[in-house]
């Protein structure tokens, strides 16, 4: 149990906290919003518990940890800046002296003080710019591939939140990642910068991620680089908003056992994105970010392969890009053709299935011809034009509509043979199609029925109430979750704590008496008598209730009942 003097000092300190600072403290200590604390003394008692203190220490940065250790081991109270931070974390009192429970935890965690960390470079080290630029380009393209694959089908997560083995293999087999480790790196980076979001069971592309896919390569890189810098742990950042030398990251959170592993993970992300080279040096385009400013992509632009906006369309239904295709063109082209290889020169293959998928997504024969003609260096080959025309003519023979009057989904076609085939197709059992005159009906949503038919290779089109084709979006998008404000989460609890501490002296006295009763302790109770004098009774505390203290007066061998309103002080008998 915390020392009572510390408990009271912290309770008084907590009462002076603003609501936002107090809410942040409770959030940092992982306090449940449903905690049954009655007043600030309850809060102080819980925050000085060994388990709560153990949760606070790993969050300290190097300067805060050093100040706390010096205060514990050397007896030197924390100076002004670290003292304020440590006070806000409920680790030291107003004089910068650690509470006893905190001192005990520090001595256990660092009995000989903190280990030294390697010094940062004395001067800006020369970087391997070519290798860093290649890494930036390669991983930017790979991250785009991950997002495209996730648009096709969400990436499943296991209980720990990481990718499942099958999803890692999927990314590797598709060429988006070179290894399972790189798959984890890319997904982790995308999640950190807000391009992927989670619904708890899977990773989904966010609206920001979808917009990112259509940015030019340099803008993709720059926006992600900024977001990575801003997502760095507080302990790695400098006062100007940049980052400390990466050699210091492993020791930036001295009380956190996972600190070195976390630092290695962040260095890996920064190297992959070209913000550090293999030796930890910052290339020219990253120095502005490292110093707290913005990126300068001019130096990086000169080292990246130039983008192209034209392709060679060939008679074998392939397209060859003679260099990195501009991202907005690549995204659209991949909506109508399957990419077969990814390199500085990429290849894409058209088929009836890929053209059908494009039409399903909203393209038309005319829009396909116009787009391909505009980007082709070889015109529109006759075999490809034929596939477009034939697929477009076949597409839409099956019409899927939502009947707002009945709440049913209807499936219609002029081909009776096709209608019968869908009626008996066991692969469509999940959408429960039933014959009703010259159409099929179901209670399943129209979009679900449409995709079931499309996956079964029926030439389906979704239509609106007027019978006009409408585009159906298959990709599930991650909702943008607004982080909960700790002040809102803990608002009711904080209000209760403040209400319970309106008379702090009376509340503290009652708390001391309650603890004495629980322990059946012998205490000296100072009572104010009606004539203004004071008298001390030595009692074995036996009960507390109804505004009165009951106890056995051993000297007089009588049971005494004392009104709490007349008790001025209580102190334990040692």
Protein backbone atom coordinates (compact mmCIF):
# COMPACT_ATOMS: atom_id res chain seq x y z
CA UNK A 1 0.00 0.00 0.00
CA UNK A 2 1.37 3.49 -0.82
CA UNK A 3 2.62 5.62 2.06
CA UNK A 4 -0.18 7.82 3.35
CA UNK A 5 1.89 10.99 3.07
CA UNK A 6 2.58 10.25 -0.60
CA UNK A 7 -1.02 9.34 -1.19
CA UNK A 8 -2.26 12.62 0.23
CA UNK A 9 0.39 14.67 -1.59
CA UNK A 10 -0.52 13.08 -4.91
CA UNK A 11 -4.24 13.56 -4.25
CA UNK A 12 -3.67 17.28 -3.69
CA UNK A 13 -1.53 17.43 -6.84
CA UNK A 14 -4.18 15.64 -8.91
CA UNK A 15 -6.79 18.13 -7.73
CA UNK A 16 -4.73 20.90 -9.34
CA UNK A 17 -4.55 19.10 -12.71
CA UNK A 18 -6.67 20.45 -15.55
CA UNK A 19 -9.29 18.07 -16.89
CA UNK A 20 -7.32 17.39 -20.11
CA UNK A 21 -4.08 16.63 -18.25
CA UNK A 22 -5.88 14.40 -15.77
CA UNK A 23 -7.69 12.55 -18.56
CA UNK A 24 -4.41 12.00 -20.41
CA UNK A 25 -2.80 10.63 -17.25
CA UNK A 26 -5.66 8.17 -16.78
CA UNK A 27 -5.40 7.12 -20.42
CA UNK A 28 -1.63 6.60 -20.17
CA UNK A 29 -2.13 4.40 -17.11
CA UNK A 30 -4.86 2.40 -18.90
CA UNK A 31 -7.43 3.23 -16.21
CA UNK A 32 -10.90 1.88 -16.96
CA UNK A 33 -13.45 4.65 -17.49
CA UNK A 34 -15.77 2.57 -15.28
CA UNK A 35 -13.38 2.72 -12.29
CA UNK A 36 -15.32 3.04 -9.02
CA UNK A 37 -13.01 5.62 -7.45
CA UNK A 38 -14.89 8.05 -5.20
CA UNK A 39 -12.35 10.85 -4.82
CA UNK A 40 -8.81 11.96 -5.55
CA UNK A 41 -7.50 9.87 -2.66
CA UNK A 42 -8.82 6.73 -4.34
CA UNK A 43 -7.18 7.88 -7.57
CA UNK A 44 -3.85 8.57 -5.82
CA UNK A 45 -3.98 5.19 -4.10
CA UNK A 46 -4.49 3.41 -7.42
CA UNK A 47 -1.92 5.45 -9.34
CA UNK A 48 0.76 4.69 -6.72
CA UNK A 49 0.04 0.97 -6.93
CA UNK A 50 3.08 -0.98 -8.11
CA UNK A 51 1.28 -2.25 -11.20
CA UNK A 52 0.19 1.22 -12.26
CA UNK A 53 3.67 2.66 -11.74
CA UNK A 54 5.11 -0.20 -13.82
CA UNK A 55 2.84 0.87 -16.70
CA UNK A 56 4.03 4.47 -16.43
CA UNK A 57 7.80 3.93 -16.55
CA UNK A 58 8.06 2.50 -20.11
CA UNK A 59 6.44 5.66 -21.51
CA UNK A 60 9.27 7.91 -20.27
CA UNK A 61 11.70 9.26 -22.83
CA UNK A 62 15.44 9.35 -22.19
CA UNK A 63 15.56 12.80 -20.56
CA UNK A 64 12.62 12.03 -18.26
CA UNK A 65 14.04 8.64 -17.30
CA UNK A 66 17.47 10.11 -16.54
CA UNK A 67 15.94 12.83 -14.36
CA UNK A 68 13.87 10.27 -12.45
CA UNK A 69 16.81 7.93 -11.90
CA UNK A 70 18.98 10.81 -10.70
CA UNK A 71 16.27 11.83 -8.24
CA UNK A 72 16.02 8.26 -6.89
CA UNK A 73 19.66 7.20 -6.83
CA UNK A 74 21.47 10.50 -6.28
CA UNK A 75 18.69 12.27 -4.40
CA UNK A 76 18.75 15.14 -6.89
CA UNK A 77 15.21 16.47 -7.44
CA UNK A 78 14.19 16.64 -11.09
CA UNK A 79 14.82 19.99 -12.76
CA UNK A 80 12.09 22.21 -14.18
CA UNK A 81 11.29 20.70 -17.62
CA UNK A 82 11.59 16.99 -16.73
CA UNK A 83 9.94 17.72 -13.36
CA UNK A 84 6.82 19.07 -15.04
CA UNK A 85 6.61 16.02 -17.32
CA UNK A 86 7.13 13.64 -14.39
CA UNK A 87 4.52 15.50 -12.31
CA UNK A 88 2.01 15.15 -15.15
CA UNK A 89 2.73 11.42 -15.09
CA UNK A 90 2.14 11.30 -11.29
CA UNK A 91 5.70 10.09 -10.58
CA UNK A 92 7.15 12.96 -8.51
CA UNK A 93 5.74 15.48 -6.07
CA UNK A 94 5.68 19.26 -6.50
CA UNK A 95 9.33 19.45 -5.36
CA UNK A 96 10.51 16.92 -7.95
CA UNK A 97 10.99 14.15 -5.36
CA UNK A 98 9.79 10.70 -6.49
CA UNK A 99 7.02 9.05 -4.52
CA UNK A 100 8.18 6.06 -2.48
CA UNK A 101 6.38 3.54 -4.73
CA UNK A 102 8.00 5.10 -7.78
CA UNK A 103 11.45 5.08 -6.17
CA UNK A 104 11.03 1.41 -5.32
CA UNK A 105 10.07 0.58 -8.93
CA UNK A 106 13.01 2.56 -10.32
CA UNK A 107 15.51 0.84 -8.02
CA UNK A 108 14.17 -2.52 -9.09
CA UNK A 109 14.25 -1.66 -12.80
CA UNK A 110 17.60 0.17 -12.85
CA UNK A 111 19.56 -0.71 -9.68
CA UNK A 112 22.80 0.61 -11.20
CA UNK A 113 21.32 3.46 -13.20
CA UNK A 114 20.61 3.60 -16.91
CA UNK A 115 22.86 2.06 -19.51
CA UNK A 116 24.69 4.47 -21.80
CA UNK A 117 23.51 4.86 -25.39
CA UNK A 118 25.77 5.20 -28.42
CA UNK A 119 26.45 8.85 -29.23
CA UNK A 120 24.97 10.33 -32.37
CA UNK A 121 27.22 11.21 -35.31
CA UNK A 122 29.37 14.27 -34.69
CA UNK A 123 28.74 15.49 -38.22
CA UNK A 124 26.25 14.73 -40.96
CA UNK A 125 27.43 11.43 -42.42
CA UNK A 126 27.57 10.95 -46.17
CA UNK A 127 24.68 8.83 -47.40
CA UNK A 128 24.42 6.22 -50.12
CA UNK A 129 21.91 8.17 -52.19
CA UNK A 130 21.55 5.70 -55.08
CA UNK A 131 20.67 2.78 -52.81
CA UNK A 132 18.26 4.88 -50.74
CA UNK A 133 16.51 6.19 -53.87
CA UNK A 134 16.15 2.66 -55.26
CA UNK A 135 14.63 1.51 -51.98
CA UNK A 136 12.21 4.45 -51.97
CA UNK A 137 11.06 3.70 -55.53
CA UNK A 138 10.81 -0.07 -55.02
CA UNK A 139 8.83 0.11 -51.79
CA UNK A 140 6.53 2.86 -53.08
CA UNK A 141 5.57 0.61 -56.00
CA UNK A 142 5.25 -2.41 -53.70
CA UNK A 143 2.99 -0.52 -51.31
CA UNK A 144 0.76 0.43 -54.24
CA UNK A 145 0.52 -3.26 -55.16
CA UNK A 146 -0.49 -4.12 -51.58
CA UNK A 147 -3.27 -1.52 -51.67
CA UNK A 148 -4.51 -2.75 -55.07
CA UNK A 149 -4.66 -6.33 -53.82
CA UNK A 150 -6.44 -5.20 -50.66
CA UNK A 151 -9.05 -3.41 -52.78
CA UNK A 152 -9.72 -6.73 -54.51
CA UNK A 153 -10.02 -8.62 -51.21
CA UNK A 154 -9.32 -7.44 -47.63
CA UNK A 155 -6.21 -8.79 -45.90
CA UNK A 156 -7.19 -11.05 -43.02
CA UNK A 157 -5.74 -10.52 -39.55
CA UNK A 158 -5.08 -13.07 -36.83
CA UNK A 159 -5.80 -12.57 -33.13
CA UNK A 160 -2.60 -10.59 -32.49
CA UNK A 161 -3.52 -8.13 -35.24
CA UNK A 162 -0.76 -9.19 -37.64
CA UNK A 163 -1.19 -10.75 -41.07
CA UNK A 164 -2.05 -14.41 -41.28
CA UNK A 165 0.37 -16.78 -43.00
CA UNK A 166 -1.99 -17.27 -45.94
CA UNK A 167 -2.22 -13.51 -46.51
CA UNK A 168 1.56 -13.18 -46.45
CA UNK A 169 1.77 -15.91 -49.10
CA UNK A 170 -0.89 -14.13 -51.13
CA UNK A 171 1.15 -10.92 -51.21
CA UNK A 172 4.36 -12.78 -52.01
CA UNK A 173 2.75 -14.91 -54.75
CA UNK A 174 1.24 -11.79 -56.34
CA UNK A 175 4.68 -10.14 -56.45
CA UNK A 176 3.72 -7.31 -54.09
CA UNK A 177 6.29 -8.44 -51.50
CA UNK A 178 9.52 -10.35 -51.85
CA UNK A 179 9.14 -12.20 -48.55
CA UNK A 180 6.79 -12.68 -45.61
CA UNK A 181 8.88 -10.16 -43.64
CA UNK A 182 8.50 -7.56 -46.39
CA UNK A 183 4.74 -8.19 -46.46
CA UNK A 184 4.58 -7.38 -42.74
CA UNK A 185 6.73 -4.28 -43.31
CA UNK A 186 4.52 -2.93 -46.09
CA UNK A 187 1.24 -3.58 -44.31
CA UNK A 188 2.62 -2.13 -41.06
CA UNK A 189 3.79 1.01 -42.88
CA UNK A 190 0.45 1.45 -44.64
CA UNK A 191 -1.40 1.08 -41.35
CA UNK A 192 0.88 3.56 -39.58
CA UNK A 193 0.36 6.29 -42.17
CA UNK A 194 -3.40 5.77 -42.54
CA UNK A 195 -3.53 4.07 -45.95
CA UNK A 196 -4.95 0.89 -44.41
CA UNK A 197 -7.49 0.64 -41.60
CA UNK A 198 -8.89 -2.29 -39.67
CA UNK A 199 -12.38 -3.51 -38.87
CA UNK A 200 -10.91 -5.87 -36.28
CA UNK A 201 -10.85 -8.92 -38.55
CA UNK A 202 -9.15 -7.57 -41.66
CA UNK A 203 -7.10 -4.73 -43.12
CA UNK A 204 -9.05 -2.52 -45.55
CA UNK A 205 -7.98 0.37 -47.77
CA UNK A 206 -8.98 3.77 -46.42
CA UNK A 207 -10.31 6.67 -48.47
CA UNK A 208 -6.87 8.26 -48.09
CA UNK A 209 -5.29 5.05 -49.40
CA UNK A 210 -7.49 5.06 -52.48
CA UNK A 211 -6.63 8.69 -53.21
CA UNK A 212 -2.93 7.92 -52.63
CA UNK A 213 -2.99 5.31 -55.42
CA UNK A 214 -3.71 8.00 -58.01
CA UNK A 215 -0.91 10.33 -56.92
CA UNK A 216 2.32 10.63 -58.94
CA UNK A 217 5.16 8.54 -57.56
CA UNK A 218 6.99 11.46 -55.95
CA UNK A 219 3.83 12.70 -54.25
CA UNK A 220 3.11 9.17 -53.01
CA UNK A 221 6.59 9.00 -51.53
CA UNK A 222 6.54 12.49 -50.03
CA UNK A 223 3.13 12.18 -48.36
CA UNK A 224 4.09 8.85 -46.82
CA UNK A 225 7.48 10.17 -45.69
CA UNK A 226 5.79 13.05 -43.86
CA UNK A 227 3.29 10.72 -42.26
CA UNK A 228 6.04 8.33 -41.14
CA UNK A 229 7.98 11.17 -39.51
CA UNK A 230 4.84 12.40 -37.76
CA UNK A 231 4.02 8.89 -36.54
CA UNK A 232 7.42 8.41 -34.89
CA UNK A 233 7.22 7.70 -31.15
CA UNK A 234 7.57 10.84 -29.03
CA UNK A 235 10.81 9.54 -27.53
CA UNK A 236 12.52 9.64 -30.96
CA UNK A 237 11.51 13.21 -31.79
CA UNK A 238 13.42 16.43 -31.29
CA UNK A 239 11.93 19.67 -29.90
CA UNK A 240 11.92 21.07 -33.47
CA UNK A 241 9.73 18.21 -34.71
CA UNK A 242 12.46 16.21 -36.45
CA UNK A 243 14.09 13.01 -35.23
CA UNK A 244 17.08 12.21 -33.09
CA UNK A 245 20.03 10.21 -34.51
CA UNK A 246 18.70 6.69 -35.18
CA UNK A 247 21.59 5.21 -33.16
CA UNK A 248 19.89 6.59 -30.04
CA UNK A 249 16.43 5.14 -30.73
CA UNK A 250 17.08 1.78 -29.10
CA UNK A 251 17.83 3.52 -25.78
CA UNK A 252 15.21 6.27 -26.12
CA UNK A 253 12.78 4.53 -23.73
CA UNK A 254 15.13 3.03 -21.12
CA UNK A 255 12.43 1.41 -18.97
CA UNK A 256 10.68 -0.29 -21.89
CA UNK A 257 11.91 -3.86 -22.55
CA UNK A 258 10.39 -3.71 -26.03
CA UNK A 259 12.27 -0.48 -26.84
CA UNK A 260 15.12 -2.00 -28.88
CA UNK A 261 12.74 -4.14 -30.94
CA UNK A 262 10.49 -1.14 -31.63
CA UNK A 263 13.50 0.97 -32.63
CA UNK A 264 14.68 -1.73 -35.05
CA UNK A 265 11.20 -1.86 -36.60
CA UNK A 266 11.14 1.91 -37.14
CA UNK A 267 14.65 1.96 -38.60
CA UNK A 268 13.58 -0.79 -41.01
CA UNK A 269 10.60 1.33 -42.12
CA UNK A 270 12.76 4.41 -42.61
CA UNK A 271 15.39 2.49 -44.59
CA UNK A 272 12.72 0.90 -46.79
CA UNK A 273 11.21 4.32 -47.52
CA UNK A 274 14.59 5.84 -48.37
CA UNK A 275 14.71 8.13 -45.33
CA UNK A 276 17.83 6.37 -44.06
CA UNK A 277 20.47 4.41 -45.92
CA UNK A 278 21.87 1.09 -44.72
CA UNK A 279 24.37 2.91 -42.48
CA UNK A 280 21.70 5.06 -40.85
CA UNK A 281 22.68 8.26 -42.69
CA UNK A 282 19.94 10.59 -43.92
CA UNK A 283 19.91 11.23 -47.70
CA UNK A 284 19.49 14.81 -48.98
CA UNK A 285 15.72 14.52 -49.57
CA UNK A 286 15.13 13.43 -45.98
CA UNK A 287 17.21 16.05 -44.19
CA UNK A 288 14.42 18.62 -44.07
CA UNK A 289 12.17 16.08 -42.32
CA UNK A 290 14.97 15.06 -39.97
CA UNK A 291 15.42 18.70 -38.94
CA UNK A 292 11.70 19.29 -38.41
CA UNK A 293 10.90 20.82 -41.79
CA UNK A 294 9.50 19.40 -45.01
CA UNK A 295 10.81 17.06 -47.69
CA UNK A 296 12.87 18.25 -50.65
CA UNK A 297 12.14 15.87 -53.51
CA UNK A 298 14.34 17.61 -56.08
CA UNK A 299 17.37 15.43 -55.31
CA UNK A 300 15.23 12.27 -55.27
CA UNK A 301 13.56 13.14 -58.57
CA UNK A 302 16.91 13.03 -60.36
CA UNK A 303 17.60 9.49 -59.14
CA UNK A 304 14.21 7.93 -59.95
CA UNK A 305 13.47 6.39 -63.34
CA UNK A 306 11.25 8.72 -65.39
CA UNK A 307 7.58 7.80 -65.61
CA UNK A 308 5.96 7.08 -68.97
CA UNK A 309 2.42 7.77 -70.14
CA UNK A 310 2.34 5.47 -73.18
CA UNK A 311 2.29 1.71 -73.71
CA UNK A 312 2.72 -0.73 -76.58
CA UNK A 313 -0.53 -2.61 -77.27
CA UNK A 314 0.22 -5.91 -78.99
CA UNK A 315 -1.74 -8.44 -81.02
CA UNK A 316 -1.35 -11.13 -78.36
CA UNK A 317 -3.63 -9.09 -76.05
CA UNK A 318 -0.77 -7.70 -73.97
CA UNK A 319 0.38 -4.18 -73.15
CA UNK A 320 4.03 -3.34 -72.48
CA UNK A 321 4.96 -0.18 -70.59
CA UNK A 322 8.52 0.86 -71.58
CA UNK A 323 9.12 2.33 -68.12
CA UNK A 324 7.30 2.97 -64.85
CA UNK A 325 3.76 3.82 -65.95
CA UNK A 326 2.27 6.96 -64.39
CA UNK A 327 0.30 5.77 -61.34
CA UNK A 328 -3.10 7.10 -62.43
CA UNK A 329 -2.73 5.29 -65.76
CA UNK A 330 -1.46 2.12 -64.09
CA UNK A 331 -4.45 2.02 -61.73
CA UNK A 332 -6.94 2.38 -64.57
CA UNK A 333 -5.13 -0.06 -66.85
CA UNK A 334 -5.10 -2.66 -64.09
CA UNK A 335 -8.86 -2.27 -63.89
CA UNK A 336 -9.15 -3.76 -67.39
CA UNK A 337 -6.06 -5.98 -67.65
CA UNK A 338 -4.14 -8.32 -65.36
CA UNK A 339 -0.58 -7.21 -64.71
CA UNK A 340 1.81 -10.05 -65.44
CA UNK A 341 5.11 -8.54 -64.38
CA UNK A 342 6.31 -5.54 -62.40
CA UNK A 343 9.61 -3.91 -63.14
CA UNK A 344 10.72 -0.69 -64.75
CA UNK A 345 9.00 -2.20 -67.81
CA UNK A 346 5.70 -3.81 -66.81
CA UNK A 347 3.41 -6.06 -68.85
CA UNK A 348 -0.37 -6.40 -68.70
CA UNK A 349 -2.68 -9.02 -70.28
CA UNK A 350 -6.24 -8.46 -71.50
CA UNK A 351 -8.91 -11.15 -71.60
CA UNK A 352 -12.67 -11.38 -71.85
CA UNK A 353 -12.76 -11.77 -68.06
CA UNK A 354 -10.71 -8.62 -67.38
CA UNK A 355 -12.66 -6.58 -69.92
CA UNK A 356 -15.90 -7.87 -68.40
CA UNK A 357 -14.70 -6.84 -64.94
CA UNK A 358 -13.93 -3.35 -66.25
CA UNK A 359 -17.42 -3.03 -67.74
CA UNK A 360 -18.87 -4.30 -64.48
CA UNK A 361 -16.99 -1.51 -62.68
CA UNK A 362 -18.50 1.16 -64.90
CA UNK A 363 -16.42 1.22 -68.08
CA UNK A 364 -18.10 1.02 -71.47
CA UNK A 365 -16.84 -0.23 -74.83
CA UNK A 366 -16.42 3.38 -75.92
CA UNK A 367 -14.52 4.47 -72.78
CA UNK A 368 -12.24 1.45 -73.06
CA UNK A 369 -11.43 2.17 -76.71
CA UNK A 370 -10.85 5.87 -76.03
CA UNK A 371 -8.53 5.24 -73.09
CA UNK A 372 -6.46 2.53 -74.77
CA UNK A 373 -6.16 4.50 -78.00
CA UNK A 374 -4.98 7.56 -76.06
CA UNK A 375 -2.16 5.74 -74.25
CA UNK A 376 -1.11 3.39 -77.07
CA UNK A 377 2.02 3.89 -79.12
CA UNK A 378 0.80 1.24 -81.59
CA UNK A 379 -2.88 2.04 -81.99
CA UNK A 380 -5.65 -0.36 -80.95
CA UNK A 381 -4.88 -3.88 -82.27
CA UNK A 382 -7.78 -5.62 -84.02
CA UNK A 383 -7.78 -8.68 -81.66
CA UNK A 384 -8.15 -6.41 -78.62
CA UNK A 385 -10.87 -4.34 -80.27
CA UNK A 386 -12.75 -7.57 -81.07
CA UNK A 387 -12.59 -8.75 -77.41
CA UNK A 388 -13.91 -5.40 -76.25
CA UNK A 389 -16.82 -5.44 -78.70
CA UNK A 390 -17.76 -9.08 -78.08
CA UNK A 391 -17.55 -8.78 -74.30
CA UNK A 392 -19.53 -5.54 -74.33
CA UNK A 393 -22.25 -7.13 -76.48
CA UNK A 394 -22.53 -10.12 -74.16
CA UNK A 395 -22.39 -8.06 -71.01
CA UNK A 396 -25.69 -7.02 -69.51
CA UNK A 397 -27.83 -9.90 -70.76
CA UNK A 398 -28.71 -10.49 -67.09
CA UNK A 399 -30.18 -7.47 -65.30
CA UNK A 400 -30.16 -7.21 -61.50
CA UNK A 401 -32.41 -4.63 -59.87
CA UNK A 402 -33.78 -3.76 -56.44
CA UNK A 403 -37.59 -3.57 -56.32
CA UNK A 404 -38.25 -0.81 -53.80
CA UNK A 405 -41.96 -1.59 -53.60
CA UNK A 406 -41.55 -5.23 -52.51
CA UNK A 407 -38.08 -5.02 -50.99
CA UNK A 408 -36.97 -7.91 -53.21
CA UNK A 409 -34.13 -8.22 -55.68
CA UNK A 410 -35.13 -9.22 -59.22
CA UNK A 411 -32.99 -10.99 -61.84
CA UNK A 412 -34.22 -10.72 -65.44
CA UNK A 413 -33.02 -11.87 -68.85
CA UNK A 414 -34.52 -12.37 -72.31
CA UNK A 415 -32.71 -15.71 -72.61
CA UNK A 416 -34.93 -18.43 -71.12
CA UNK A 417 -32.07 -20.93 -71.19
CA UNK A 418 -29.89 -18.56 -69.19
CA UNK A 419 -32.73 -17.97 -66.72
CA UNK A 420 -33.16 -21.70 -66.13
CA UNK A 421 -29.40 -22.14 -65.72
CA UNK A 422 -29.27 -19.53 -62.95
CA UNK A 423 -32.34 -21.03 -61.28
CA UNK A 424 -30.70 -24.46 -60.86
CA UNK A 425 -27.07 -23.36 -60.44
CA UNK A 426 -25.90 -24.82 -57.09
CA UNK A 427 -23.13 -22.25 -57.00
CA UNK A 428 -25.81 -19.56 -56.50
CA UNK A 429 -27.46 -21.32 -53.57
CA UNK A 430 -26.21 -18.65 -51.15
CA UNK A 431 -28.39 -15.96 -52.79
CA UNK A 432 -31.53 -18.18 -52.81
CA UNK A 433 -32.91 -17.32 -56.25
CA UNK A 434 -36.54 -18.42 -56.80
CA UNK A 435 -38.60 -18.41 -59.99
CA UNK A 436 -41.47 -15.92 -60.19
CA UNK A 437 -43.00 -15.78 -63.63
CA UNK A 438 -40.38 -14.74 -66.16
CA UNK A 439 -37.84 -13.58 -63.57
CA UNK A 440 -35.96 -14.72 -60.48
CA UNK A 441 -36.46 -13.07 -57.11
CA UNK A 442 -34.65 -13.15 -53.76
CA UNK A 443 -34.56 -11.34 -50.44
CA UNK A 444 -30.77 -10.98 -50.73
CA UNK A 445 -29.47 -7.45 -51.46
CA UNK A 446 -29.08 -6.54 -55.13
CA UNK A 447 -25.35 -5.81 -54.92
CA UNK A 448 -24.69 -9.19 -53.29
CA UNK A 449 -26.70 -10.97 -55.99
CA UNK A 450 -24.90 -9.02 -58.70
CA UNK A 451 -21.46 -10.04 -57.49
CA UNK A 452 -22.53 -13.65 -56.99
CA UNK A 453 -23.68 -13.77 -60.63
CA UNK A 454 -20.53 -12.02 -61.86
CA UNK A 455 -18.28 -14.42 -59.97
CA UNK A 456 -20.20 -17.30 -61.53
CA UNK A 457 -19.42 -15.79 -64.96
CA UNK A 458 -22.97 -14.74 -65.83
CA UNK A 459 -23.09 -11.55 -67.97
CA UNK A 460 -24.79 -9.53 -65.25
CA UNK A 461 -25.32 -5.80 -64.98
CA UNK A 462 -26.80 -3.85 -62.08
CA UNK A 463 -29.55 -1.44 -63.12
CA UNK A 464 -31.34 1.38 -61.32
CA UNK A 465 -35.08 1.99 -61.00
CA UNK A 466 -35.18 3.35 -64.58
CA UNK A 467 -33.39 0.31 -65.98
CA UNK A 468 -30.14 2.15 -66.65
CA UNK A 469 -26.83 0.39 -65.86
CA UNK A 470 -25.16 1.53 -62.65
CA UNK A 471 -21.63 0.93 -61.40
CA UNK A 472 -21.30 -1.30 -58.35
CA UNK A 473 -18.35 -0.78 -56.02
CA UNK A 474 -17.04 -4.06 -54.68
CA UNK A 475 -14.11 -2.89 -52.66
CA UNK A 476 -14.85 -2.60 -48.96
CA UNK A 477 -13.36 0.57 -47.57
CA UNK A 478 -12.11 1.12 -44.05
CA UNK A 479 -14.08 3.65 -42.11
CA UNK A 480 -12.01 6.49 -40.72
CA UNK A 481 -12.22 6.10 -36.96
CA UNK A 482 -11.89 9.33 -35.00
CA UNK A 483 -9.68 8.68 -31.96
CA UNK A 484 -11.60 9.07 -28.75
CA UNK A 485 -10.72 12.18 -26.79
CA UNK A 486 -9.55 11.10 -23.30
CA UNK A 487 -11.43 14.10 -21.87
CA UNK A 488 -14.68 12.67 -23.23
CA UNK A 489 -13.88 9.10 -22.16
CA UNK A 490 -12.98 10.04 -18.60
CA UNK A 491 -15.29 13.04 -18.19
CA UNK A 492 -17.80 11.34 -15.84
CA UNK A 493 -15.04 9.78 -13.75
CA UNK A 494 -13.19 13.09 -13.40
CA UNK A 495 -16.41 14.86 -12.37
CA UNK A 496 -16.98 12.26 -9.66
CA UNK A 497 -13.39 12.56 -8.42
CA UNK A 498 -13.65 16.34 -8.17
CA UNK A 499 -17.03 16.17 -6.41
CA UNK A 500 -15.61 13.71 -3.89
CA UNK A 501 -12.79 16.08 -3.04
CA UNK A 502 -14.71 19.27 -2.27
CA UNK A 503 -13.66 19.01 1.43
CA UNK A 504 -10.28 17.35 1.04
CA UNK A 505 -9.32 17.55 4.73
CA UNK A 506 -12.53 15.85 5.84
CA UNK A 507 -12.26 13.25 3.10
CA UNK A 508 -8.66 12.48 4.05
CA UNK A 509 -9.54 12.19 7.75
CA UNK A 510 -12.38 9.79 6.99
CA UNK A 511 -10.08 7.75 4.78
CA UNK A 512 -7.46 7.44 7.53
CA UNK A 513 -10.11 6.37 10.01
CA UNK A 514 -11.54 3.84 7.58
CA UNK A 515 -8.10 2.28 7.08
CA UNK A 516 -7.57 2.18 10.86
CA UNK A 517 -10.90 0.39 11.34
CA UNK A 518 -10.10 -2.14 8.61
CA UNK A 519 -6.78 -2.91 10.32
CA UNK A 520 -8.25 -2.60 13.86
CA UNK A 521 -5.26 -0.35 14.45
CA UNK A 522 -4.50 1.61 17.62
CA UNK A 523 -4.59 5.33 16.87
CA UNK A 524 -4.36 8.62 18.74
CA UNK A 525 -7.48 10.65 17.97
CA UNK A 526 -7.44 14.41 18.71
CA UNK A 527 -10.97 15.59 19.56
CA UNK A 528 -12.11 19.21 19.82
CA UNK A 529 -14.25 19.67 22.99
CA UNK A 530 -17.16 22.14 23.37
CA UNK A 531 -15.07 24.52 25.50
CA UNK A 532 -12.51 24.83 22.63
CA UNK A 533 -9.88 22.65 24.25
CA UNK A 534 -8.53 19.48 22.64
CA UNK A 535 -8.10 16.02 24.09
CA UNK A 536 -6.29 12.98 22.71
CA UNK A 537 -7.89 9.54 23.01
CA UNK A 538 -5.89 6.38 22.30
CA UNK A 539 -8.37 3.97 20.76
CA UNK A 540 -8.47 0.62 19.04
CA UNK A 541 -10.62 1.62 16.07
CA UNK A 542 -13.55 -0.81 15.74
CA UNK A 543 -16.20 0.88 13.59
CA UNK A 544 -17.03 3.84 11.38
CA UNK A 545 -20.50 4.89 10.28
CA UNK A 546 -23.27 7.41 10.71
CA UNK A 547 -20.72 10.20 11.01
CA UNK A 548 -19.15 8.63 14.12
CA UNK A 549 -16.01 6.69 15.03
CA UNK A 550 -16.26 3.83 17.50
CA UNK A 551 -13.25 2.52 19.38
CA UNK A 552 -12.07 0.81 22.53
CA UNK A 553 -10.32 3.16 24.96
CA UNK A 554 -7.89 0.71 26.53
CA UNK A 555 -6.75 3.10 29.23
CA UNK A 556 -10.28 3.59 30.57
CA UNK A 557 -11.46 0.17 29.39
CA UNK A 558 -14.58 1.67 27.81
CA UNK A 559 -16.11 1.84 24.31
CA UNK A 560 -16.13 5.40 23.01
CA UNK A 561 -18.15 6.93 20.15
CA UNK A 562 -16.73 10.16 18.75
CA UNK A 563 -18.45 12.49 16.19
CA UNK A 564 -16.31 12.89 13.06
CA UNK A 565 -17.14 16.60 13.01
CA UNK A 566 -15.23 16.98 16.32
CA UNK A 567 -12.13 15.03 15.28
CA UNK A 568 -9.25 17.28 14.28
CA UNK A 569 -6.52 14.71 13.66
CA UNK A 570 -5.66 11.04 13.79
CA UNK A 571 -2.24 9.43 13.91
CA UNK A 572 -1.19 5.79 14.18
CA UNK A 573 0.54 4.57 17.33
CA UNK A 574 3.92 3.19 16.41
